[in-house]
C-alpha atoms as a PDB file:
ATOM      1  CA  UNK A   1      14.486 -47.266   6.285  1.00  0.00           C
ATOM      2  CA  UNK A   2      14.998 -45.424   2.984  1.00  0.00           C
ATOM      3  CA  UNK A   3      11.388 -45.978   1.962  1.00  0.00           C
ATOM      4  CA  UNK A   4      10.093 -44.825   5.340  1.00  0.00           C
ATOM      5  CA  UNK A   5      12.324 -41.755   5.179  1.00  0.00           C
ATOM      6  CA  UNK A   6      11.006 -40.879   1.709  1.00  0.00           C
ATOM      7  CA  UNK A   7       7.419 -41.318   2.901  1.00  0.00           C
ATOM      8  CA  UNK A   8       8.080 -39.041   5.843  1.00  0.00           C
ATOM      9  CA  UNK A   9       9.662 -36.435   3.557  1.00  0.00           C
ATOM     10  CA  UNK A  10       6.640 -36.528   1.245  1.00  0.00           C
ATOM     11  CA  UNK A  11       4.322 -36.191   4.247  1.00  0.00           C
ATOM     12  CA  UNK A  12       6.277 -33.221   5.651  1.00  0.00           C
ATOM     13  CA  UNK A  13       6.259 -31.502   2.244  1.00  0.00           C
ATOM     14  CA  UNK A  14       2.520 -32.105   1.909  1.00  0.00           C
ATOM     15  CA  UNK A  15       1.822 -30.688   5.374  1.00  0.00           C
ATOM     16  CA  UNK A  16       3.959 -27.620   4.653  1.00  0.00           C
ATOM     17  CA  UNK A  17       2.031 -27.075   1.423  1.00  0.00           C
ATOM     18  CA  UNK A  18      -1.259 -27.288   3.323  1.00  0.00           C
ATOM     19  CA  UNK A  19       0.003 -24.698   5.818  1.00  0.00           C
ATOM     20  CA  UNK A  20       1.016 -22.350   3.004  1.00  0.00           C
ATOM     21  CA  UNK A  21      -2.291 -22.782   1.203  1.00  0.00           C
ATOM     22  CA  UNK A  22      -4.142 -22.211   4.464  1.00  0.00           C
ATOM     23  CA  UNK A  23      -2.198 -18.997   5.090  1.00  0.00           C
ATOM     24  CA  UNK A  24      -2.872 -17.758   1.556  1.00  0.00           C
ATOM     25  CA  UNK A  25      -6.585 -18.539   1.923  1.00  0.00           C
ATOM     26  CA  UNK A  26      -6.990 -16.966   5.384  1.00  0.00           C
ATOM     27  CA  UNK A  27      -9.351 -14.050   5.833  1.00  0.00           C
ATOM     28  CA  UNK A  28      -7.427 -10.778   5.798  1.00  0.00           C
ATOM     29  CA  UNK A  29      -7.846  -8.803   9.016  1.00  0.00           C
ATOM     30  CA  UNK A  30      -7.996  -5.057   8.361  1.00  0.00           C
ATOM     31  CA  UNK A  31      -7.402  -2.965  11.493  1.00  0.00           C
ATOM     32  CA  UNK A  32      -7.365   0.755  12.201  1.00  0.00           C
ATOM     33  CA  UNK A  33      -8.074   3.289  14.942  1.00  0.00           C
ATOM     34  CA  UNK A  34     -10.604   6.062  15.446  1.00  0.00           C
ATOM     35  CA  UNK A  35      -9.096   9.104  13.727  1.00  0.00           C
ATOM     36  CA  UNK A  36      -9.733  11.684  11.046  1.00  0.00           C
ATOM     37  CA  UNK A  37      -9.000   8.910   8.534  1.00  0.00           C
ATOM     38  CA  UNK A  38     -11.261   6.187   9.907  1.00  0.00           C
ATOM     39  CA  UNK A  39     -14.272   5.911  12.192  1.00  0.00           C
ATOM     40  CA  UNK A  40     -17.301   3.772  12.968  1.00  0.00           C
ATOM     41  CA  UNK A  41     -20.683   4.480  11.415  1.00  0.00           C
ATOM     42  CA  UNK A  42     -22.968   1.980  13.107  1.00  0.00           C
ATOM     43  CA  UNK A  43     -21.071  -1.275  12.683  1.00  0.00           C
ATOM     44  CA  UNK A  44     -19.213  -0.194   9.525  1.00  0.00           C
ATOM     45  CA  UNK A  45     -15.695   1.260   9.417  1.00  0.00           C
ATOM     46  CA  UNK A  46     -15.766   4.417   7.289  1.00  0.00           C
ATOM     47  CA  UNK A  47     -13.529   7.404   6.540  1.00  0.00           C
ATOM     48  CA  UNK A  48     -11.272   8.563   3.727  1.00  0.00           C
ATOM     49  CA  UNK A  49      -8.441   6.111   4.441  1.00  0.00           C
ATOM     50  CA  UNK A  50     -10.917   3.269   4.872  1.00  0.00           C
ATOM     51  CA  UNK A  51     -12.354   4.107   1.454  1.00  0.00           C
ATOM     52  CA  UNK A  52      -8.887   3.947  -0.088  1.00  0.00           C
ATOM     53  CA  UNK A  53      -8.234   0.577   1.567  1.00  0.00           C
ATOM     54  CA  UNK A  54     -11.526  -0.862   0.310  1.00  0.00           C
ATOM     55  CA  UNK A  55     -10.810   0.383  -3.220  1.00  0.00           C
ATOM     56  CA  UNK A  56      -7.303  -1.087  -3.044  1.00  0.00           C
ATOM     57  CA  UNK A  57      -8.526  -4.515  -1.925  1.00  0.00           C
ATOM     58  CA  UNK A  58     -11.238  -4.499  -4.603  1.00  0.00           C
ATOM     59  CA  UNK A  59      -8.643  -3.710  -7.265  1.00  0.00           C
ATOM     60  CA  UNK A  60      -6.418  -6.455  -5.878  1.00  0.00           C
ATOM     61  CA  UNK A  61      -9.281  -8.948  -6.198  1.00  0.00           C
ATOM     62  CA  UNK A  62      -9.392  -9.559  -2.445  1.00  0.00           C
ATOM     63  CA  UNK A  63     -12.935  -9.926  -1.137  1.00  0.00           C
ATOM     64  CA  UNK A  64     -12.378 -12.121   1.920  1.00  0.00           C
ATOM     65  CA  UNK A  65     -11.492  -9.543   4.571  1.00  0.00           C
ATOM     66  CA  UNK A  66     -12.889  -8.106   7.791  1.00  0.00           C
ATOM     67  CA  UNK A  67     -12.433  -4.463   8.830  1.00  0.00           C
ATOM     68  CA  UNK A  68     -12.396  -3.532  12.523  1.00  0.00           C
ATOM     69  CA  UNK A  69     -11.614  -0.453  14.586  1.00  0.00           C
ATOM     70  CA  UNK A  70      -9.592  -0.749  17.814  1.00  0.00           C
ATOM     71  CA  UNK A  71      -7.597   1.439  20.177  1.00  0.00           C
ATOM     72  CA  UNK A  72      -4.262   2.045  18.459  1.00  0.00           C
ATOM     73  CA  UNK A  73      -2.199  -0.139  20.815  1.00  0.00           C
ATOM     74  CA  UNK A  74      -4.502  -3.118  20.162  1.00  0.00           C
ATOM     75  CA  UNK A  75      -4.518  -2.625  16.381  1.00  0.00           C
ATOM     76  CA  UNK A  76      -0.733  -2.277  16.383  1.00  0.00           C
ATOM     77  CA  UNK A  77      -0.212  -5.475  18.402  1.00  0.00           C
ATOM     78  CA  UNK A  78      -2.551  -7.458  16.143  1.00  0.00           C
ATOM     79  CA  UNK A  79      -0.630  -6.333  13.054  1.00  0.00           C
ATOM     80  CA  UNK A  80       2.748  -6.878  14.708  1.00  0.00           C
ATOM     81  CA  UNK A  81       2.041 -10.358  16.044  1.00  0.00           C
ATOM     82  CA  UNK A  82      -0.397 -12.020  13.631  1.00  0.00           C
ATOM     83  CA  UNK A  83      -0.333 -13.050   9.970  1.00  0.00           C
ATOM     84  CA  UNK A  84      -2.631 -11.723   7.249  1.00  0.00           C
ATOM     85  CA  UNK A  85      -3.247  -8.351   8.879  1.00  0.00           C
ATOM     86  CA  UNK A  86      -3.501  -5.004   7.106  1.00  0.00           C
ATOM     87  CA  UNK A  87      -3.112  -1.891   9.275  1.00  0.00           C
ATOM     88  CA  UNK A  88      -3.671   1.771   8.416  1.00  0.00           C
ATOM     89  CA  UNK A  89      -2.870   4.623   8.686  1.00  0.00           C
ATOM     90  CA  UNK A  90       0.540   4.129  10.297  1.00  0.00           C
ATOM     91  CA  UNK A  91       3.634   6.307  10.469  1.00  0.00           C
ATOM     92  CA  UNK A  92       6.559   4.632   8.726  1.00  0.00           C
ATOM     93  CA  UNK A  93       9.594   4.946  10.967  1.00  0.00           C
ATOM     94  CA  UNK A  94      13.008   3.314  11.180  1.00  0.00           C
ATOM     95  CA  UNK A  95      11.931   1.459  14.336  1.00  0.00           C
ATOM     96  CA  UNK A  96       8.972  -0.082  12.494  1.00  0.00           C
ATOM     97  CA  UNK A  97      10.602  -0.657   9.111  1.00  0.00           C
ATOM     98  CA  UNK A  98      11.458  -4.340   9.574  1.00  0.00           C
ATOM     99  CA  UNK A  99       8.312  -5.167  11.564  1.00  0.00           C
ATOM    100  CA  UNK A 100       5.897  -4.773   8.643  1.00  0.00           C
ATOM    101  CA  UNK A 101       5.583  -5.084   4.884  1.00  0.00           C
ATOM    102  CA  UNK A 102       4.796  -1.646   3.503  1.00  0.00           C
ATOM    103  CA  UNK A 103       2.111  -1.102   0.852  1.00  0.00           C
ATOM    104  CA  UNK A 104       2.118   2.625   0.116  1.00  0.00           C
ATOM    105  CA  UNK A 105       1.802   6.153   1.438  1.00  0.00           C
ATOM    106  CA  UNK A 106      -1.631   7.653   2.028  1.00  0.00           C
ATOM    107  CA  UNK A 107      -0.446  11.116   3.017  1.00  0.00           C
ATOM    108  CA  UNK A 108       2.556  13.002   4.384  1.00  0.00           C
ATOM    109  CA  UNK A 109       1.951  14.660   7.749  1.00  0.00           C
ATOM    110  CA  UNK A 110       3.798  16.926  10.167  1.00  0.00           C
ATOM    111  CA  UNK A 111       2.507  17.072  13.758  1.00  0.00           C
ATOM    112  CA  UNK A 112       2.696  20.145  15.975  1.00  0.00           C
ATOM    113  CA  UNK A 113       2.275  20.720  19.672  1.00  0.00           C
ATOM    114  CA  UNK A 114      -1.093  22.325  20.363  1.00  0.00           C
ATOM    115  CA  UNK A 115      -2.141  24.128  23.531  1.00  0.00           C
ATOM    116  CA  UNK A 116      -5.330  25.926  24.501  1.00  0.00           C
ATOM    117  CA  UNK A 117      -5.047  29.465  23.135  1.00  0.00           C
ATOM    118  CA  UNK A 118      -6.183  30.875  26.475  1.00  0.00           C
ATOM    119  CA  UNK A 119      -3.240  29.249  28.281  1.00  0.00           C
ATOM    120  CA  UNK A 120      -0.813  32.124  27.957  1.00  0.00           C
ATOM    121  CA  UNK A 121       1.326  30.596  30.678  1.00  0.00           C
ATOM    122  CA  UNK A 122       2.289  27.732  28.340  1.00  0.00           C
ATOM    123  CA  UNK A 123       5.254  28.989  26.327  1.00  0.00           C
ATOM    124  CA  UNK A 124       7.118  26.680  23.929  1.00  0.00           C
ATOM    125  CA  UNK A 125      10.054  27.871  21.838  1.00  0.00           C
ATOM    126  CA  UNK A 126      11.793  24.518  21.421  1.00  0.00           C
ATOM    127  CA  UNK A 127      11.524  20.837  22.305  1.00  0.00           C
ATOM    128  CA  UNK A 128      13.226  21.382  25.646  1.00  0.00           C
ATOM    129  CA  UNK A 129      10.541  23.885  26.640  1.00  0.00           C
ATOM    130  CA  UNK A 130       7.823  21.381  25.713  1.00  0.00           C
ATOM    131  CA  UNK A 131       9.340  18.715  27.979  1.00  0.00           C
ATOM    132  CA  UNK A 132       8.517  20.854  31.012  1.00  0.00           C
ATOM    133  CA  UNK A 133       4.769  20.495  30.407  1.00  0.00           C
ATOM    134  CA  UNK A 134       2.360  17.566  30.664  1.00  0.00           C
ATOM    135  CA  UNK A 135       1.853  16.082  27.204  1.00  0.00           C
ATOM    136  CA  UNK A 136      -1.041  13.894  26.070  1.00  0.00           C
ATOM    137  CA  UNK A 137      -0.001  10.982  23.838  1.00  0.00           C
ATOM    138  CA  UNK A 138      -1.556   7.835  22.379  1.00  0.00           C
ATOM    139  CA  UNK A 139      -0.283   4.505  23.695  1.00  0.00           C
ATOM    140  CA  UNK A 140       2.325   2.902  21.376  1.00  0.00           C
ATOM    141  CA  UNK A 141       1.987   5.779  18.893  1.00  0.00           C
ATOM    142  CA  UNK A 142       5.135   6.988  17.097  1.00  0.00           C
ATOM    143  CA  UNK A 143       4.831  10.357  18.867  1.00  0.00           C
ATOM    144  CA  UNK A 144       4.939   8.704  22.275  1.00  0.00           C
ATOM    145  CA  UNK A 145       7.987   6.678  21.218  1.00  0.00           C
ATOM    146  CA  UNK A 146       9.730   9.754  19.815  1.00  0.00           C
ATOM    147  CA  UNK A 147       9.108  11.917  22.899  1.00  0.00           C
ATOM    148  CA  UNK A 148      10.234   9.124  25.232  1.00  0.00           C
ATOM    149  CA  UNK A 149      13.456   9.001  23.243  1.00  0.00           C
ATOM    150  CA  UNK A 150      13.854  12.747  23.775  1.00  0.00           C
ATOM    151  CA  UNK A 151      13.564  12.377  27.533  1.00  0.00           C
ATOM    152  CA  UNK A 152       9.960  13.488  28.011  1.00  0.00           C
ATOM    153  CA  UNK A 153       8.772  12.178  31.382  1.00  0.00           C
ATOM    154  CA  UNK A 154       5.526  14.100  31.955  1.00  0.00           C
ATOM    155  CA  UNK A 155       3.368  12.212  29.467  1.00  0.00           C
ATOM    156  CA  UNK A 156      -0.244  11.184  30.007  1.00  0.00           C
ATOM    157  CA  UNK A 157      -1.143   8.148  27.899  1.00  0.00           C
ATOM    158  CA  UNK A 158      -4.589   7.720  26.313  1.00  0.00           C
ATOM    159  CA  UNK A 159      -6.195   5.219  23.964  1.00  0.00           C
ATOM    160  CA  UNK A 160      -6.779   7.794  21.206  1.00  0.00           C
ATOM    161  CA  UNK A 161      -6.326  11.434  20.223  1.00  0.00           C
ATOM    162  CA  UNK A 162      -9.909  12.370  21.055  1.00  0.00           C
ATOM    163  CA  UNK A 163      -9.248  11.485  24.696  1.00  0.00           C
ATOM    164  CA  UNK A 164      -6.091  13.584  24.539  1.00  0.00           C
ATOM    165  CA  UNK A 165      -8.065  16.594  23.324  1.00  0.00           C
ATOM    166  CA  UNK A 166     -10.613  16.113  26.110  1.00  0.00           C
ATOM    167  CA  UNK A 167      -7.748  16.111  28.613  1.00  0.00           C
ATOM    168  CA  UNK A 168      -6.320  19.263  27.060  1.00  0.00           C
ATOM    169  CA  UNK A 169      -9.675  21.021  27.421  1.00  0.00           C
ATOM    170  CA  UNK A 170     -10.110  19.860  31.029  1.00  0.00           C
ATOM    171  CA  UNK A 171      -6.573  20.899  31.978  1.00  0.00           C
ATOM    172  CA  UNK A 172      -5.265  17.383  32.609  1.00  0.00           C
ATOM    173  CA  UNK A 173      -2.555  17.969  29.992  1.00  0.00           C
ATOM    174  CA  UNK A 174      -1.027  21.176  28.645  1.00  0.00           C
ATOM    175  CA  UNK A 175       0.150  20.047  25.198  1.00  0.00           C
ATOM    176  CA  UNK A 176      -0.910  17.486  22.601  1.00  0.00           C
ATOM    177  CA  UNK A 177       1.074  16.558  19.457  1.00  0.00           C
ATOM    178  CA  UNK A 178      -1.159  16.213  16.365  1.00  0.00           C
ATOM    179  CA  UNK A 179      -1.193  17.055  12.655  1.00  0.00           C
ATOM    180  CA  UNK A 180      -3.527  19.946  11.783  1.00  0.00           C
ATOM    181  CA  UNK A 181      -5.980  17.676   9.980  1.00  0.00           C
ATOM    182  CA  UNK A 182      -6.370  15.514  13.070  1.00  0.00           C
ATOM    183  CA  UNK A 183      -6.701  18.521  15.373  1.00  0.00           C
ATOM    184  CA  UNK A 184      -9.411  20.085  13.205  1.00  0.00           C
ATOM    185  CA  UNK A 185     -11.414  16.866  13.016  1.00  0.00           C
ATOM    186  CA  UNK A 186     -11.174  16.180  16.736  1.00  0.00           C
ATOM    187  CA  UNK A 187     -12.331  19.723  17.500  1.00  0.00           C
ATOM    188  CA  UNK A 188     -15.329  19.183  15.230  1.00  0.00           C
ATOM    189  CA  UNK A 189     -16.110  15.902  17.015  1.00  0.00           C
ATOM    190  CA  UNK A 190     -16.136  17.690  20.379  1.00  0.00           C
ATOM    191  CA  UNK A 191     -18.018  20.712  18.987  1.00  0.00           C
ATOM    192  CA  UNK A 192     -15.320  23.217  19.860  1.00  0.00           C
ATOM    193  CA  UNK A 193     -13.693  25.798  17.606  1.00  0.00           C
ATOM    194  CA  UNK A 194     -10.332  24.834  16.142  1.00  0.00           C
ATOM    195  CA  UNK A 195      -9.322  28.439  16.797  1.00  0.00           C
ATOM    196  CA  UNK A 196      -9.492  27.663  20.531  1.00  0.00           C
ATOM    197  CA  UNK A 197      -6.255  25.740  19.971  1.00  0.00           C
ATOM    198  CA  UNK A 198      -2.891  27.247  19.144  1.00  0.00           C
ATOM    199  CA  UNK A 199       0.018  25.549  17.414  1.00  0.00           C
ATOM    200  CA  UNK A 200       3.146  26.405  19.411  1.00  0.00           C
ATOM    201  CA  UNK A 201       5.895  24.174  17.989  1.00  0.00           C
ATOM    202  CA  UNK A 202       6.213  22.065  14.840  1.00  0.00           C
ATOM    203  CA  UNK A 203       7.714  18.596  15.235  1.00  0.00           C
ATOM    204  CA  UNK A 204       9.663  18.575  11.975  1.00  0.00           C
ATOM    205  CA  UNK A 205      11.569  15.419  12.919  1.00  0.00           C
ATOM    206  CA  UNK A 206       8.217  13.591  12.927  1.00  0.00           C
ATOM    207  CA  UNK A 207       7.304  14.755   9.434  1.00  0.00           C
ATOM    208  CA  UNK A 208       6.681  11.373   7.844  1.00  0.00           C
ATOM    209  CA  UNK A 209       4.332   9.422   5.628  1.00  0.00           C
ATOM    210  CA  UNK A 210       1.154   7.743   6.823  1.00  0.00           C
ATOM    211  CA  UNK A 211       1.120   4.275   5.279  1.00  0.00           C
ATOM    212  CA  UNK A 212      -0.910   1.182   4.657  1.00  0.00           C
ATOM    213  CA  UNK A 213       1.115  -1.800   5.880  1.00  0.00           C
ATOM    214  CA  UNK A 214       0.809  -5.563   6.272  1.00  0.00           C
ATOM    215  CA  UNK A 215       2.021  -7.843   9.016  1.00  0.00           C
ATOM    216  CA  UNK A 216       5.490  -9.284   8.424  1.00  0.00           C
ATOM    217  CA  UNK A 217       4.249 -12.873   8.070  1.00  0.00           C
ATOM    218  CA  UNK A 218       1.632 -12.031   5.441  1.00  0.00           C
ATOM    219  CA  UNK A 219       2.389 -14.066   2.270  1.00  0.00           C
ATOM    220  CA  UNK A 220       4.468 -12.139  -0.270  1.00  0.00           C
ATOM    221  CA  UNK A 221       1.971 -12.879  -3.031  1.00  0.00           C
ATOM    222  CA  UNK A 222      -0.757 -11.128  -1.032  1.00  0.00           C
ATOM    223  CA  UNK A 223       1.530  -8.172  -0.322  1.00  0.00           C
ATOM    224  CA  UNK A 224       2.464  -7.828  -3.995  1.00  0.00           C
ATOM    225  CA  UNK A 225      -1.161  -7.886  -5.150  1.00  0.00           C
ATOM    226  CA  UNK A 226      -2.225  -5.235  -2.654  1.00  0.00           C
ATOM    227  CA  UNK A 227       0.832  -3.040  -3.278  1.00  0.00           C
ATOM    228  CA  UNK A 228       0.327  -3.176  -7.050  1.00  0.00           C
ATOM    229  CA  UNK A 229      -3.356  -2.270  -6.705  1.00  0.00           C
ATOM    230  CA  UNK A 230      -2.512   0.653  -4.421  1.00  0.00           C
ATOM    231  CA  UNK A 231       0.209   1.872  -6.781  1.00  0.00           C
ATOM    232  CA  UNK A 232      -2.306   2.001  -9.647  1.00  0.00           C
ATOM    233  CA  UNK A 233      -4.747   4.067  -7.561  1.00  0.00           C
ATOM    234  CA  UNK A 234      -1.927   6.352  -6.464  1.00  0.00           C
ATOM    235  CA  UNK A 235      -0.624   6.866  -9.982  1.00  0.00           C
ATOM    236  CA  UNK A 236      -4.015   7.833 -11.358  1.00  0.00           C
ATOM    237  CA  UNK A 237      -4.544  10.341  -8.528  1.00  0.00           C
ATOM    238  CA  UNK A 238      -7.401   8.499  -6.827  1.00  0.00           C
ATOM    239  CA  UNK A 239      -5.655   8.176  -3.476  1.00  0.00           C
ATOM    240  CA  UNK A 240      -4.898  11.894  -3.213  1.00  0.00           C
ATOM    241  CA  UNK A 241      -8.440  12.865  -4.221  1.00  0.00           C
ATOM    242  CA  UNK A 242     -10.101  10.550  -1.706  1.00  0.00           C
ATOM    243  CA  UNK A 243      -7.784  11.550   1.151  1.00  0.00           C
ATOM    244  CA  UNK A 244      -8.477  15.221   0.356  1.00  0.00           C
ATOM    245  CA  UNK A 245     -12.214  14.485   0.560  1.00  0.00           C
ATOM    246  CA  UNK A 246     -12.887  15.346  -3.074  1.00  0.00           C
END
């Protein structure tokens, strides 16, 4: 029995080693959403944040990866539930802290509520005022989660911010929460003047960093390599220059 037990122990150890090696060798999934930081050009994911991610992975010596663009809720679920997944850009919040392994901050952003400038009937002096209007949000986005926590009940959920802006223009919603950068880019995408929007209230409590993160079950060695490569790019100023479009 002792010999059989030892053989079984060796077999179990060997199988566990194979699983670990397989996890380490797995193709890294890189997921993002359509935003001012990432977009599709043909079949290639492009954008300033995508460029930073590609530079980071190159510096980390990781070449076996696949980048894909999804609706935010899908990208978020993939990163939350699967191993070897890199997601960007994502707000780092207390609710998400333990769900992911964090690589580094791409940019610090502060969203505001925007309305159509012509809608003089929409008056917002505080968060309570905003809750009386229909608000366009992205499914599973940190802004949706925050506003739900504040008792907002008149929210219209979309797959992305561009759909929210379309709904604002068509009158389906009266407010949308977005950082200025995002609002400007979405206006350009829809060929409307940014000046047609008006910022009516700044969501200071949502002023947070946009991060690159990895799924919680991604091997620590992979996380450390990517984080170290990102830190080098950040320290030398490359990240800030690329994100600024310089």
